[in-house]
Amino acid sequence: MLIRKIERFLSHHHMPRTKFGRLAAHDPRFVDDLRNGREPRPATEARVEHFMNTYRSASHVA
């Protein structure tokens, strides 16, 4: 489930949920909406997954 992956990501990277929403989905309320039952479109889910994978890679390079 996407929200579980996002929650782990937020915890691991100490990132505020609104910042994540802005960066990953261009929507600062994205995480709150998911917590309240929103089901993202497949394209949005793919974009968010890609953001998390890319962000992890970039953060481990340094």
C-alpha atoms as a PDB file:
ATOM      1  CA  MET A   1       0.000   0.000   0.000  1.00  0.00           C
ATOM      2  CA  LEU A   2       1.406   3.378  -1.047  1.00  0.00           C
ATOM      3  CA  ILE A   3       0.647   5.239   2.185  1.00  0.00           C
ATOM      4  CA  ARG A   4       2.715   2.760   4.208  1.00  0.00           C
ATOM      5  CA  LYS A   5       5.700   3.258   1.907  1.00  0.00           C
ATOM      6  CA  ILE A   6       5.291   7.017   2.185  1.00  0.00           C
ATOM      7  CA  GLU A   7       5.039   6.896   5.984  1.00  0.00           C
ATOM      8  CA  ARG A   8       8.300   4.907   6.138  1.00  0.00           C
ATOM      9  CA  PHE A   9       9.925   7.350   3.727  1.00  0.00           C
ATOM     10  CA  LEU A  10       8.831  10.357   5.788  1.00  0.00           C
ATOM     11  CA  SER A  11      10.118   8.793   8.979  1.00  0.00           C
ATOM     12  CA  HIS A  12      13.416   7.697   7.471  1.00  0.00           C
ATOM     13  CA  HIS A  13      14.152  11.048   5.826  1.00  0.00           C
ATOM     14  CA  HIS A  14      12.580  13.251   8.537  1.00  0.00           C
ATOM     15  CA  MET A  15      10.591  15.036   5.840  1.00  0.00           C
ATOM     16  CA  PRO A  16       7.372  16.928   6.591  1.00  0.00           C
ATOM     17  CA  ARG A  17       4.308  15.479   4.877  1.00  0.00           C
ATOM     18  CA  THR A  18       3.487  18.746   3.106  1.00  0.00           C
ATOM     19  CA  LYS A  19       6.983  19.025   1.632  1.00  0.00           C
ATOM     20  CA  PHE A  20       6.750  15.439   0.403  1.00  0.00           C
ATOM     21  CA  GLY A  21       3.390  16.147  -1.198  1.00  0.00           C
ATOM     22  CA  ARG A  22       4.704  19.252  -2.949  1.00  0.00           C
ATOM     23  CA  LEU A  23       7.819  17.516  -4.259  1.00  0.00           C
ATOM     24  CA  ALA A  24       6.340  14.133  -5.170  1.00  0.00           C
ATOM     25  CA  ALA A  25       2.791  14.921  -6.279  1.00  0.00           C
ATOM     26  CA  HIS A  26       2.672  18.734  -6.625  1.00  0.00           C
ATOM     27  CA  ASP A  27       0.004  18.709  -3.894  1.00  0.00           C
ATOM     28  CA  PRO A  28       0.855  19.662  -0.289  1.00  0.00           C
ATOM     29  CA  ARG A  29      -2.296  17.866   0.953  1.00  0.00           C
ATOM     30  CA  PHE A  30      -1.445  14.603  -0.829  1.00  0.00           C
ATOM     31  CA  VAL A  31      -0.333  12.658   2.276  1.00  0.00           C
ATOM     32  CA  ASP A  32      -3.259  13.916   4.362  1.00  0.00           C
ATOM     33  CA  ASP A  33      -5.655  12.920   1.591  1.00  0.00           C
ATOM     34  CA  LEU A  34      -4.123   9.430   1.397  1.00  0.00           C
ATOM     35  CA  ARG A  35      -4.443   9.087   5.165  1.00  0.00           C
ATOM     36  CA  ASN A  36      -8.131   9.928   4.752  1.00  0.00           C
ATOM     37  CA  GLY A  37      -8.706   7.250   2.114  1.00  0.00           C
ATOM     38  CA  ARG A  38      -7.837   8.914  -1.190  1.00  0.00           C
ATOM     39  CA  GLU A  39      -6.876   6.458  -3.919  1.00  0.00           C
ATOM     40  CA  PRO A  40      -4.310   7.984  -6.287  1.00  0.00           C
ATOM     41  CA  ARG A  41      -4.424   7.437 -10.019  1.00  0.00           C
ATOM     42  CA  PRO A  42      -1.926   4.884 -11.343  1.00  0.00           C
ATOM     43  CA  ALA A  43       0.153   7.624 -12.998  1.00  0.00           C
ATOM     44  CA  THR A  44       0.323   9.592  -9.740  1.00  0.00           C
ATOM     45  CA  GLU A  45       1.264   6.487  -7.799  1.00  0.00           C
ATOM     46  CA  ALA A  46       4.032   5.734 -10.312  1.00  0.00           C
ATOM     47  CA  ARG A  47       5.332   9.323 -10.089  1.00  0.00           C
ATOM     48  CA  VAL A  48       5.403   9.177  -6.272  1.00  0.00           C
ATOM     49  CA  GLU A  49       7.180   5.799  -6.289  1.00  0.00           C
ATOM     50  CA  HIS A  50       9.733   7.181  -8.743  1.00  0.00           C
ATOM     51  CA  PHE A  51      10.288  10.230  -6.540  1.00  0.00           C
ATOM     52  CA  MET A  52      10.947   8.059  -3.477  1.00  0.00           C
ATOM     53  CA  ASN A  53      13.329   5.776  -5.374  1.00  0.00           C
ATOM     54  CA  THR A  54      15.204   8.690  -6.905  1.00  0.00           C
ATOM     55  CA  TYR A  55      15.385  10.584  -3.626  1.00  0.00           C
ATOM     56  CA  ARG A  56      16.825   7.558  -1.832  1.00  0.00           C
ATOM     57  CA  SER A  57      19.476   7.132  -4.510  1.00  0.00           C
ATOM     58  CA  ALA A  58      20.456  10.789  -4.426  1.00  0.00           C
ATOM     59  CA  SER A  59      20.666  10.875  -0.628  1.00  0.00           C
ATOM     60  CA  HIS A  60      23.057   7.903  -0.485  1.00  0.00           C
ATOM     61  CA  VAL A  61      25.504   9.262  -3.075  1.00  0.00           C
ATOM     62  CA  ALA A  62      27.041  11.822  -0.708  1.00  0.00           C
END
